[in-house]
Protein backbone atom coordinates (compact mmCIF):
# COMPACT_ATOMS: atom_id res chain seq x y z
CA MET A 1 205.42 15.81 11.38
CA SER A 2 202.32 16.60 9.03
CA THR A 3 200.27 13.93 7.82
CA GLU A 4 201.58 13.54 3.88
CA LYS A 5 205.18 13.86 5.42
CA LYS A 6 204.14 10.66 7.59
CA VAL A 7 202.52 8.75 4.73
CA LEU A 8 204.95 9.55 2.37
CA LYS A 9 208.16 8.45 4.76
CA SER A 10 206.40 5.62 5.22
CA SER A 11 205.51 4.72 1.64
CA ALA A 12 209.61 5.40 0.52
CA ILE A 13 210.08 2.63 3.48
CA LEU A 14 208.35 0.15 1.79
CA ALA A 15 209.23 1.68 -1.63
CA SER A 16 212.99 1.08 -0.88
CA SER A 17 212.26 -2.32 0.38
CA THR A 18 209.65 -3.06 -2.25
CA THR A 19 212.00 -1.94 -5.47
CA LEU A 20 215.22 -5.08 -4.40
CA SER A 21 211.98 -7.37 -4.08
CA ARG A 22 211.16 -6.76 -7.45
CA VAL A 23 214.83 -6.68 -8.74
CA LEU A 24 215.43 -9.67 -6.74
CA GLY A 25 211.93 -10.75 -8.32
CA LEU A 26 213.07 -9.71 -11.57
CA VAL A 27 215.83 -12.20 -11.69
CA ARG A 28 213.80 -14.65 -10.39
CA ASP A 29 211.71 -14.63 -13.68
CA ILE A 30 214.39 -14.29 -15.76
CA LEU A 31 215.30 -17.57 -14.90
CA THR A 32 212.51 -19.22 -14.51
CA ALA A 33 211.55 -18.34 -18.74
CA LYS A 34 215.55 -19.39 -19.65
CA TYR A 35 214.56 -22.91 -17.39
CA PHE A 36 210.84 -23.00 -17.91
CA GLY A 37 209.69 -20.26 -20.97
CA ALA A 38 206.29 -20.58 -21.57
CA SER A 39 205.90 -24.13 -21.53
CA SER A 40 202.36 -26.52 -20.21
CA VAL A 41 204.93 -26.70 -17.60
CA HIS A 42 205.04 -23.65 -16.33
CA ASP A 43 201.54 -23.13 -17.12
CA ALA A 44 200.76 -26.00 -14.72
CA PHE A 45 202.67 -24.15 -12.14
CA VAL A 46 201.07 -20.48 -12.69
CA MET A 47 197.38 -22.62 -12.45
CA ALA A 48 198.41 -24.17 -9.17
CA PHE A 49 200.06 -20.82 -7.65
CA ILE A 50 197.14 -19.00 -7.72
CA LEU A 51 195.74 -21.03 -5.08
CA PRO A 52 198.06 -19.40 -2.27
CA ASN A 53 198.68 -16.22 -4.40
CA LEU A 54 194.95 -15.82 -4.12
CA LEU A 55 194.66 -16.83 -0.14
CA ARG A 56 197.64 -14.45 0.55
CA ASN A 57 196.10 -10.99 -1.11
CA LEU A 58 192.92 -11.87 -0.10
CA LEU A 59 193.95 -11.52 4.07
CA THR A 60 196.82 -9.47 3.63
CA GLU A 61 194.80 -6.67 1.55
CA GLY A 62 190.85 -8.10 2.13
CA VAL A 63 190.12 -8.95 5.75
CA PHE A 64 192.95 -7.98 7.64
CA SER A 65 193.68 -4.56 6.16
CA SER A 66 190.31 -3.30 5.44
CA LEU A 67 188.89 -5.26 9.14
CA PHE A 68 191.56 -6.01 11.17
CA ILE A 69 194.10 -3.36 10.96
CA PRO A 70 190.78 -0.42 11.91
CA PHE A 71 189.74 -2.09 14.72
CA LEU A 72 193.31 -2.34 16.04
CA SER A 73 194.25 0.80 14.94
CA GLU A 74 190.87 2.23 16.65
CA SER A 75 192.10 0.39 19.92
CA ILE A 76 195.18 1.28 19.54
CA ALA A 77 194.07 5.35 19.57
CA LYS A 78 191.53 4.17 22.43
CA LYS A 79 194.78 3.60 24.53
CA LYS A 80 193.57 -0.32 24.96
CA THR A 81 196.20 -2.15 23.78
CA GLN A 82 195.85 -4.78 25.96
CA GLU A 83 192.13 -5.72 23.83
CA ALA A 84 193.84 -5.53 20.78
CA PHE A 85 196.24 -8.18 21.67
CA ASP A 86 193.22 -10.50 23.34
CA PHE A 87 191.36 -9.67 20.14
CA SER A 88 194.13 -10.90 17.71
CA GLN A 89 194.79 -13.89 19.76
CA ALA A 90 191.20 -14.83 19.62
CA LEU A 91 191.37 -14.53 15.91
CA MET A 92 194.57 -16.48 15.56
CA SER A 93 193.06 -19.84 17.08
CA ARG A 94 190.39 -19.75 15.26
CA LEU A 95 192.38 -19.18 12.37
CA ILE A 96 194.58 -21.64 12.54
CA PHE A 97 191.88 -24.33 13.09
CA LEU A 98 190.32 -22.34 9.51
CA VAL A 99 193.04 -23.14 7.70
CA SER A 100 194.17 -26.29 8.96
CA VAL A 101 189.87 -27.59 7.81
CA ILE A 102 191.08 -25.68 4.14
CA ILE A 103 194.20 -27.57 4.02
CA LEU A 104 192.19 -30.88 4.70
CA LEU A 105 189.87 -30.27 2.24
CA ILE A 106 192.04 -29.40 -0.55
CA LEU A 107 194.22 -32.53 0.37
CA VAL A 108 191.32 -35.05 0.20
CA SER A 109 189.50 -33.35 -3.07
CA SER A 110 192.02 -33.61 -5.31
CA GLU A 111 193.87 -36.35 -4.67
CA ILE A 112 189.60 -38.02 -5.03
CA CYS A 113 189.88 -36.07 -8.44
CA LEU A 114 193.38 -37.81 -9.18
CA HIS A 115 192.07 -41.26 -8.93
CA THR A 116 188.90 -41.24 -10.40
CA LEU A 117 188.68 -38.64 -12.85
CA ASN A 118 190.30 -38.90 -16.30
CA LEU A 119 192.33 -36.40 -16.31
CA SER A 120 194.96 -34.36 -18.65
CA SER A 121 198.91 -34.69 -17.39
CA GLN A 122 198.72 -31.38 -16.95
CA THR A 123 195.74 -31.22 -15.11
CA GLN A 124 197.67 -34.04 -13.06
CA LEU A 125 200.54 -32.07 -12.33
CA THR A 126 198.80 -28.79 -11.12
CA LEU A 127 197.18 -30.77 -8.55
CA ARG A 128 200.07 -32.12 -7.90
CA LEU A 129 201.73 -28.97 -7.24
CA ILE A 130 198.24 -27.73 -5.52
CA GLN A 131 198.99 -30.27 -3.25
CA SER A 132 202.39 -29.59 -2.32
CA PHE A 133 201.45 -25.92 -1.34
CA CYS A 134 199.48 -26.48 1.20
CA PRO A 135 201.87 -26.07 3.40
CA TYR A 136 202.62 -22.90 2.45
CA ILE A 137 199.41 -21.50 2.23
CA PHE A 138 199.13 -22.46 6.31
CA PHE A 139 202.08 -20.49 6.86
CA ILE A 140 200.42 -17.56 4.65
CA PHE A 141 197.54 -17.10 7.11
CA ILE A 142 199.85 -16.70 10.02
CA SER A 143 202.09 -14.24 8.32
CA SER A 144 199.31 -11.89 7.25
CA LEU A 145 197.70 -12.21 10.92
CA PHE A 146 201.78 -11.07 11.70
CA ILE A 147 201.99 -8.71 9.41
CA SER A 148 198.61 -7.00 10.47
CA ILE A 149 200.00 -6.20 13.98
CA ILE A 150 202.98 -4.94 12.67
CA ASN A 151 201.46 -2.74 10.27
CA VAL A 152 198.88 -1.07 12.98
CA HIS A 153 202.25 0.19 15.45
CA LYS A 154 203.00 1.70 11.98
CA LYS A 155 206.23 -0.64 11.41
CA PHE A 156 206.39 -1.58 8.00
CA PHE A 157 210.17 -2.69 7.53
CA ILE A 158 210.12 -6.58 8.62
CA PRO A 159 206.93 -7.54 6.70
CA SER A 160 208.45 -5.48 3.56
CA LEU A 161 211.09 -8.41 4.09
CA SER A 162 208.58 -10.68 3.24
CA PRO A 163 208.52 -10.83 -1.03
CA ILE A 164 212.44 -10.35 -0.32
CA ILE A 165 212.96 -13.71 1.15
CA LEU A 166 210.52 -15.47 -1.07
CA ASN A 167 212.90 -14.55 -3.82
CA ILE A 168 216.02 -15.24 -2.65
CA PHE A 169 214.82 -18.73 -1.90
CA TRP A 170 213.09 -19.20 -5.47
CA ILE A 171 216.24 -18.32 -6.96
CA PHE A 172 217.97 -20.83 -5.03
CA SER A 173 215.68 -23.45 -5.80
CA LEU A 174 215.72 -22.76 -9.33
CA LEU A 175 219.93 -22.76 -9.57
CA PHE A 176 220.25 -25.83 -6.58
CA ILE A 177 216.92 -27.56 -5.75
CA CYS A 178 215.18 -27.96 -8.64
CA PRO A 179 218.58 -30.07 -10.61
CA LEU A 180 218.34 -32.05 -7.53
CA PHE A 181 214.78 -33.53 -8.65
CA GLY A 182 216.23 -34.83 -11.99
CA LYS A 183 216.05 -33.34 -16.08
CA PRO A 184 212.26 -33.34 -17.12
CA LEU A 185 210.55 -30.06 -16.47
CA ASP A 186 207.54 -31.62 -14.50
CA SER A 187 210.26 -33.19 -11.43
CA GLN A 188 211.92 -30.11 -11.36
CA VAL A 189 209.23 -27.87 -11.07
CA PHE A 190 208.57 -29.53 -7.90
CA GLY A 191 211.94 -27.79 -6.75
CA ILE A 192 210.10 -24.04 -7.23
CA THR A 193 207.62 -25.74 -4.16
CA ALA A 194 210.12 -26.72 -2.22
CA GLY A 195 212.02 -23.40 -2.41
CA ILE A 196 208.91 -21.23 -1.39
CA ILE A 197 207.52 -23.18 1.17
CA LEU A 198 211.31 -22.76 3.02
CA ALA A 199 210.80 -18.99 1.86
CA GLY A 200 207.24 -19.22 3.76
CA ALA A 201 208.68 -20.57 7.19
CA LEU A 202 211.56 -18.28 7.85
CA GLN A 203 208.80 -15.09 7.18
CA VAL A 204 206.93 -16.45 9.44
CA TYR A 205 209.84 -17.18 11.83
CA ILE A 206 211.00 -13.50 11.36
CA GLN A 207 207.60 -11.92 11.97
CA PHE A 208 207.29 -14.11 14.95
CA ILE A 209 210.35 -12.13 16.55
CA SER A 210 208.49 -8.52 15.18
CA VAL A 211 204.93 -9.20 17.45
CA ARG A 212 206.68 -10.32 20.13
CA LYS A 213 209.17 -7.47 20.86
CA LEU A 214 205.70 -5.68 20.12
CA GLY A 215 204.00 -7.47 23.76
CA PHE A 216 202.03 -9.51 21.74
CA THR A 217 201.99 -13.33 23.88
CA PHE A 218 200.51 -16.21 22.29
CA ASN A 219 197.35 -18.10 23.81
CA LEU A 220 195.76 -19.64 21.73
CA ASN A 221 192.24 -21.76 22.15
CA ILE A 222 189.50 -22.15 19.95
CA PHE A 223 186.82 -22.72 22.48
CA LYS A 224 187.57 -19.59 24.07
CA PRO A 225 183.75 -17.93 24.36
CA GLN A 226 183.87 -14.98 21.22
CA LYS A 227 184.16 -11.12 22.23
CA LYS A 228 181.09 -9.23 20.42
CA SER A 229 184.53 -7.49 18.64
CA LEU A 230 185.40 -11.19 16.77
CA LYS A 231 181.54 -11.78 15.81
CA ASN A 232 181.11 -8.39 14.03
CA LEU A 233 184.47 -9.32 12.22
CA TYR A 234 182.61 -12.55 10.67
CA LYS A 235 179.63 -10.33 9.77
CA LYS A 236 182.04 -7.86 7.55
CA ALA A 237 184.21 -10.49 6.30
CA LEU A 238 182.07 -11.95 3.42
CA PRO A 239 181.33 -8.45 1.78
CA SER A 240 185.30 -7.34 2.67
CA LEU A 241 187.09 -10.27 1.56
CA LEU A 242 184.11 -9.80 -1.81
CA ALA A 243 185.23 -6.01 -2.77
CA PHE A 244 188.62 -6.72 -2.32
CA SER A 245 188.92 -10.31 -4.03
CA VAL A 246 188.09 -8.55 -7.76
CA GLY A 247 190.82 -7.90 -9.23
CA GLN A 248 191.84 -12.09 -7.47
CA ILE A 249 188.35 -13.68 -8.64
CA ASN A 250 189.89 -11.92 -12.30
CA VAL A 251 192.71 -13.05 -12.41
CA VAL A 252 191.29 -16.14 -11.45
CA ILE A 253 189.05 -16.05 -14.81
CA ASP A 254 191.73 -15.02 -16.57
CA SER A 255 193.94 -18.13 -15.93
CA PHE A 256 191.12 -20.38 -16.77
CA LEU A 257 190.26 -18.76 -19.77
CA ALA A 258 193.63 -18.87 -21.27
CA HIS A 259 194.00 -22.74 -20.48
CA ASN A 260 191.21 -22.61 -24.10
CA LEU A 261 193.73 -20.74 -25.88
CA GLY A 262 196.62 -22.96 -26.08
CA GLU A 263 200.03 -23.65 -24.69
CA GLY A 264 201.75 -20.87 -23.29
CA ALA A 265 198.81 -18.29 -23.00
CA GLN A 266 199.02 -18.82 -18.93
CA SER A 267 202.53 -17.67 -19.27
CA SER A 268 202.30 -15.16 -21.23
CA LEU A 269 199.86 -13.58 -18.56
CA TRP A 270 202.24 -14.29 -16.10
CA TYR A 271 204.92 -12.94 -17.08
CA ALA A 272 203.48 -9.73 -18.26
CA GLN A 273 201.79 -9.66 -14.70
CA ARG A 274 205.75 -9.73 -13.25
CA ILE A 275 206.44 -6.84 -14.99
CA ILE A 276 203.21 -4.69 -13.90
CA TYR A 277 203.24 -5.75 -10.33
CA CYS A 278 206.86 -3.82 -10.36
CA PRO A 279 205.74 -0.33 -10.29
CA LEU A 280 202.25 -1.75 -8.81
CA GLY A 281 203.78 -3.20 -5.98
CA ILE A 282 207.01 -0.33 -5.35
CA PHE A 283 204.65 2.11 -5.40
CA GLY A 284 200.93 1.35 -5.40
CA ILE A 285 200.94 -0.55 -2.65
CA ALA A 286 203.40 0.48 -1.22
CA ILE A 287 201.24 3.99 -0.67
CA SER A 288 197.89 2.25 -0.29
CA VAL A 289 199.20 -0.30 2.53
CA ALA A 290 201.11 3.01 4.21
CA ILE A 291 197.76 5.20 4.07
CA MET A 292 195.44 2.16 5.00
CA PRO A 293 196.62 2.63 9.33
CA THR A 294 196.89 6.53 8.89
CA LEU A 295 193.05 6.76 7.56
CA SER A 296 191.96 4.57 10.16
CA SER A 297 193.37 6.27 13.22
CA PHE A 298 191.22 9.63 11.65
CA ALA A 299 188.20 7.41 11.51
CA ALA A 300 188.69 6.26 14.40
CA GLN A 301 188.66 9.69 16.00
CA LYS A 302 186.09 10.86 14.20
CA LYS A 303 188.61 13.48 11.90
CA THR A 304 186.77 13.47 8.58
CA GLU A 305 188.50 16.62 7.26
CA GLU A 306 191.81 14.70 7.89
CA ILE A 307 190.68 11.48 6.11
CA LYS A 308 189.57 13.71 2.79
CA LYS A 309 193.17 15.68 3.13
CA THR A 310 194.72 12.79 3.40
CA LEU A 311 192.88 10.59 0.81
CA SER A 312 193.32 13.34 -1.64
CA TYR A 313 197.16 12.99 -1.64
CA GLY A 314 197.39 9.45 -1.18
CA LEU A 315 195.48 8.97 -5.26
CA CYS A 316 197.33 12.53 -6.24
CA LEU A 317 200.75 10.83 -5.51
CA LEU A 318 199.61 7.88 -6.95
CA LEU A 319 198.42 8.73 -10.26
CA MET A 320 201.80 11.85 -10.29
CA ILE A 321 204.23 8.12 -9.98
CA LEU A 322 201.82 5.55 -12.15
CA ILE A 323 200.82 7.50 -15.17
CA PRO A 324 204.46 7.72 -16.53
CA CYS A 325 205.18 4.46 -15.43
CA ALA A 326 202.04 3.28 -16.91
CA VAL A 327 203.39 5.26 -20.80
CA ALA A 328 206.49 4.32 -20.18
CA ILE A 329 205.69 0.43 -20.67
CA LEU A 330 202.69 1.44 -23.48
CA ALA A 331 206.04 2.83 -25.49
CA LEU A 332 207.87 -0.08 -24.83
CA HIS A 333 206.27 -2.76 -23.96
CA LYS A 334 207.66 -5.15 -26.85
CA GLU A 335 211.15 -3.36 -26.34
CA ILE A 336 210.85 -4.88 -22.15
CA ILE A 337 210.10 -8.61 -22.74
CA SER A 338 212.24 -8.77 -25.16
CA LEU A 339 215.22 -7.16 -22.74
CA ILE A 340 213.99 -8.95 -19.56
CA TYR A 341 212.67 -12.25 -20.81
CA GLN A 342 213.86 -13.71 -24.13
CA ARG A 343 216.67 -16.21 -23.87
CA GLY A 344 216.78 -20.41 -23.13
CA ALA A 345 213.36 -21.43 -23.84
CA PHE A 346 211.72 -18.35 -24.42
CA THR A 347 211.16 -17.51 -27.86
CA ALA A 348 210.92 -14.80 -30.29
CA THR A 349 207.17 -16.41 -30.34
CA SER A 350 206.71 -15.92 -26.33
CA VAL A 351 207.92 -12.07 -27.03
CA GLU A 352 204.99 -11.97 -29.14
CA THR A 353 202.18 -13.09 -27.02
CA THR A 354 203.45 -11.36 -23.91
CA SER A 355 204.13 -7.82 -25.14
CA SER A 356 200.63 -7.82 -26.27
CA VAL A 357 199.00 -9.02 -22.80
CA LEU A 358 201.92 -6.12 -21.08
CA PHE A 359 200.36 -3.73 -23.06
CA PHE A 360 196.64 -4.46 -22.34
CA TYR A 361 198.01 -4.36 -18.67
CA ALA A 362 199.69 -1.54 -18.97
CA ILE A 363 196.47 0.58 -19.78
CA GLY A 364 195.26 -0.10 -16.53
CA LEU A 365 198.08 0.43 -14.16
CA PRO A 366 196.71 3.10 -12.68
CA ALA A 367 193.50 2.00 -12.23
CA PHE A 368 194.85 -0.95 -10.35
CA ALA A 369 196.66 0.77 -7.65
CA CYS A 370 193.97 3.94 -7.58
CA ASN A 371 191.52 0.58 -6.86
CA LYS A 372 193.44 -0.45 -3.51
CA VAL A 373 193.34 3.30 -1.72
CA LEU A 374 189.71 3.43 -2.58
CA THR A 375 188.49 0.57 -0.77
CA SER A 376 190.30 0.78 2.03
CA THR A 377 189.32 4.26 2.87
CA PHE A 378 185.65 2.32 2.98
CA TYR A 379 186.86 0.18 5.22
CA ALA A 380 188.85 2.89 7.61
CA LEU A 381 185.15 4.45 7.30
CA LYS A 382 183.54 1.07 8.35
CA GLU A 383 181.23 0.35 5.20
CA THR A 384 181.69 -2.83 3.93
CA ARG A 385 178.70 -3.55 1.61
CA THR A 386 178.90 -0.84 -0.84
CA PRO A 387 182.54 -1.76 -2.23
CA ALA A 388 181.06 -5.89 -2.26
CA LYS A 389 178.32 -4.75 -4.30
CA VAL A 390 180.83 -2.49 -7.20
CA ALA A 391 182.94 -5.64 -6.70
CA ILE A 392 180.12 -8.18 -7.46
CA PHE A 393 179.14 -5.78 -10.66
CA CYS A 394 183.06 -5.49 -11.60
CA VAL A 395 182.98 -9.17 -11.73
CA ILE A 396 180.26 -10.19 -13.79
CA LEU A 397 181.67 -7.21 -16.11
CA ASN A 398 185.17 -8.85 -16.26
CA LEU A 399 183.75 -11.62 -17.22
CA LEU A 400 181.10 -10.64 -19.87
CA LEU A 401 184.03 -8.40 -21.80
CA ASN A 402 186.46 -11.55 -21.40
CA PHE A 403 184.18 -13.36 -23.63
CA SER A 404 184.00 -10.79 -26.00
CA LEU A 405 187.62 -9.58 -26.01
CA MET A 406 189.15 -12.60 -26.22
CA ARG A 407 188.10 -14.30 -29.51
CA PHE A 408 189.82 -10.67 -31.23
CA LEU A 409 192.94 -10.78 -29.06
CA LYS A 410 193.09 -13.91 -27.05
CA GLN A 411 194.79 -13.24 -24.29
CA GLY A 412 195.37 -9.75 -24.90
CA GLY A 413 191.78 -9.40 -24.53
CA LEU A 414 191.72 -11.41 -21.14
CA ALA A 415 194.14 -8.27 -20.36
CA LEU A 416 192.39 -5.26 -21.84
CA ALA A 417 189.61 -6.46 -20.10
CA THR A 418 190.79 -6.51 -16.73
CA SER A 419 191.97 -2.66 -17.12
CA ILE A 420 188.55 -1.58 -18.51
CA THR A 421 186.92 -3.19 -15.71
CA SER A 422 189.88 -1.56 -13.39
CA PHE A 423 188.76 1.82 -14.12
CA ILE A 424 184.63 1.18 -13.77
CA ASN A 425 185.36 0.15 -10.52
CA ILE A 426 187.47 2.82 -9.26
CA LEU A 427 184.58 5.29 -11.06
CA PHE A 428 182.23 3.35 -9.33
CA LEU A 429 184.07 4.07 -5.97
CA ILE A 430 184.32 7.35 -5.92
CA LEU A 431 180.66 8.34 -7.03
CA MET A 432 179.97 6.06 -3.91
CA LEU A 433 182.47 7.88 -1.41
CA LYS A 434 181.44 11.48 -2.50
CA LYS A 435 177.58 10.72 -2.53
CA HIS A 436 177.84 8.66 1.24
CA PHE A 437 180.86 10.64 2.51
CA LYS A 438 181.06 13.91 0.72
CA LEU A 439 184.11 13.68 0.22
CA PRO A 440 185.49 16.32 -2.21
CA PHE A 441 187.48 14.95 -5.45
CA LYS A 442 186.67 17.54 -8.24
CA LYS A 443 188.71 20.11 -6.74
CA GLU A 444 191.42 18.35 -5.63
CA LEU A 445 191.95 15.22 -8.24
CA LEU A 446 190.22 16.54 -11.81
CA PRO A 447 193.43 19.28 -12.05
CA HIS A 448 196.04 17.19 -10.91
CA LEU A 449 194.63 14.10 -13.18
CA LEU A 450 194.41 16.41 -16.70
CA LYS A 451 197.74 17.84 -15.51
CA THR A 452 199.61 14.59 -14.94
CA ALA A 453 197.91 12.95 -18.44
CA GLY A 454 199.38 15.51 -20.30
CA ILE A 455 203.10 15.51 -19.02
CA GLY A 456 202.28 11.44 -19.51
CA CYS A 457 201.79 12.22 -23.08
CA ALA A 458 204.64 14.54 -23.49
CA CYS A 459 206.50 11.29 -21.63
CA PHE A 460 205.32 9.49 -24.36
CA PHE A 461 206.01 11.68 -27.13
CA THR A 462 209.64 11.84 -25.29
CA ILE A 463 209.81 7.94 -25.69
CA LYS A 464 208.94 7.27 -28.81
CA THR A 465 211.09 9.79 -30.84
CA SER A 466 214.03 8.84 -28.99
CA LEU A 467 213.70 5.63 -29.47
CA ALA A 468 213.26 5.82 -33.25
CA LEU A 469 216.05 7.97 -33.08
CA ILE A 470 218.33 4.89 -31.43
CA SER A 471 217.39 2.22 -33.96
CA ARG A 472 219.44 4.26 -36.75
CA PHE A 473 222.54 3.76 -34.93
CA PRO A 474 223.70 0.07 -35.66
CA LEU A 475 223.89 -1.76 -32.32
CA ASP A 476 223.35 -5.43 -31.58
CA GLY A 477 222.08 -8.56 -29.33
CA PHE A 478 221.92 -7.50 -25.53
CA TRP A 479 223.34 -4.51 -25.48
CA GLU A 480 221.14 -2.75 -28.11
CA LYS A 481 218.08 -3.92 -26.03
CA LEU A 482 219.47 -2.60 -22.94
CA ILE A 483 219.90 0.55 -24.37
CA THR A 484 216.55 0.32 -26.71
CA VAL A 485 214.75 0.07 -22.89
CA PHE A 486 216.96 2.52 -20.62
CA ALA A 487 217.70 5.36 -23.38
CA PRO A 488 214.46 6.18 -24.14
CA LEU A 489 213.47 5.72 -20.44
CA THR A 490 215.68 7.46 -19.00
CA LEU A 491 215.16 10.51 -21.09
CA GLY A 492 211.42 10.06 -20.53
CA PHE A 493 211.22 10.07 -16.77
CA LEU A 494 213.77 13.27 -16.66
CA ILE A 495 211.40 15.10 -18.92
CA THR A 496 208.55 14.04 -16.70
CA GLY A 497 210.84 15.10 -13.98
CA ALA A 498 211.14 18.56 -15.55
CA LEU A 499 208.02 19.25 -16.34
CA TYR A 500 206.64 18.66 -12.66
CA ILE A 501 208.91 20.85 -11.16
CA LEU A 502 207.75 23.85 -13.85
CA LEU A 503 204.16 23.01 -13.26
CA ARG A 504 204.88 23.16 -9.06
CA MET A 505 203.22 19.60 -8.58
CA ASN A 506 204.83 19.49 -5.21
CA GLU A 507 203.89 16.08 -3.82
CA LEU A 508 207.03 14.70 -4.00
CA ARG A 509 208.78 17.47 -2.88
CA LEU A 510 207.71 16.54 0.76
CA LEU A 511 209.73 14.10 0.92
CA PHE A 512 212.70 16.05 0.98
CA LYS A 513 211.20 18.54 3.35
CA LYS A 514 212.30 19.38 6.41
CA THR A 515 209.24 19.59 8.65
CA LYS A 516 209.25 19.30 12.74
CA PRO A 517 207.88 16.55 14.56
């Protein structure tokens, strides 16, 4: 089976399970918006949930994807499976000790702040929610390591169940656990944290069973002498974390700055991000996760031409899928927010503020996804310094853009700053890859990008035209919102698919093409 075929098949598996997760996530967000709206209580929850989210993304997409997976892939490629498992055991021992220290520091420092500082009620609620998330933080650390071990063996289904489990428990907690905590919203919100903790425990249990089946044994000892490979991981961990944390750091900065824009600003960012994460998770992250073990394996075998071919294919595939998705959101940003969220505590005012944020996030959607693949490529090639330097520059740039744009666009300016920074980030990464590794992007990507951009314009025109036609018909209520979104969307994507076929853009056809194993 060809490399492209393997990447696409793995991506399809991840995309299928991620689609189910996003559908459940959509239900979760609809219920959350209905019960909590864009309130100060939900703002506090968003701020508190940033911490476990940040740690999960830094570990899963940072240290483990960029450093741990390449090492394991190289060991397995060289038939050194036992060495890979020994390394995993040593890392897990120290990981459990590290997370215990981190949780202790969080609990102690937050308790000191609660008892010594004169804090607002929203800040106090945020700190209490952070404390309640501590068990989930522990589960995240262990789960991230397990997922990496499973992914190295190119088995993606079990790890892809994690967000599905989280969303199911989240929905269950909104419907059944939150009411048990009383009527006030600042009490009910702790019901969500209870559901999230239960989901984290189940995720670890399922992944534990999977790694045991792969032959992994558990012999944890933090006092066991460190191997050279583990020390090398520590040396590269900081620049790796920095490079992969650029997006997460920007999210944290955006949330803190949004706190100064009034009630509901942080919630607007959160709800808009949930929609952006749908195509980003289904396609962008799926492709980047599927491509990483393949790139690492080729890097271990020093197959430079295969790395070039795989990376170019992955980027072309991402652009082909996500540019039309971004265009569709740009054309229907207000209609999408109204359809999904406008009910209960989520008012027309909330629709206006959230839709503006969604519009500016949609601009950067293709860049968000390409950034993950490009950064993963550096680490497959065992280069950690370059993406770290780019990340530092982009964090500073994002902060400057935030202060400039939020004055005029409020929380929409924060989203636009993130999108602009992401495009600059991938531009630097591409230039660095061309300079250091002679990867020929212009020949493959530029014609593909121009074609896809042109098709995106046709998709935008189709959606806007059909939207204008639909507005002439007398529709009302939910059905009006549903038809207003899905009819233009369907027509726009049909036109997009037809143009892909007409212009012979064949990347997706590999999914259906029969090849010999």
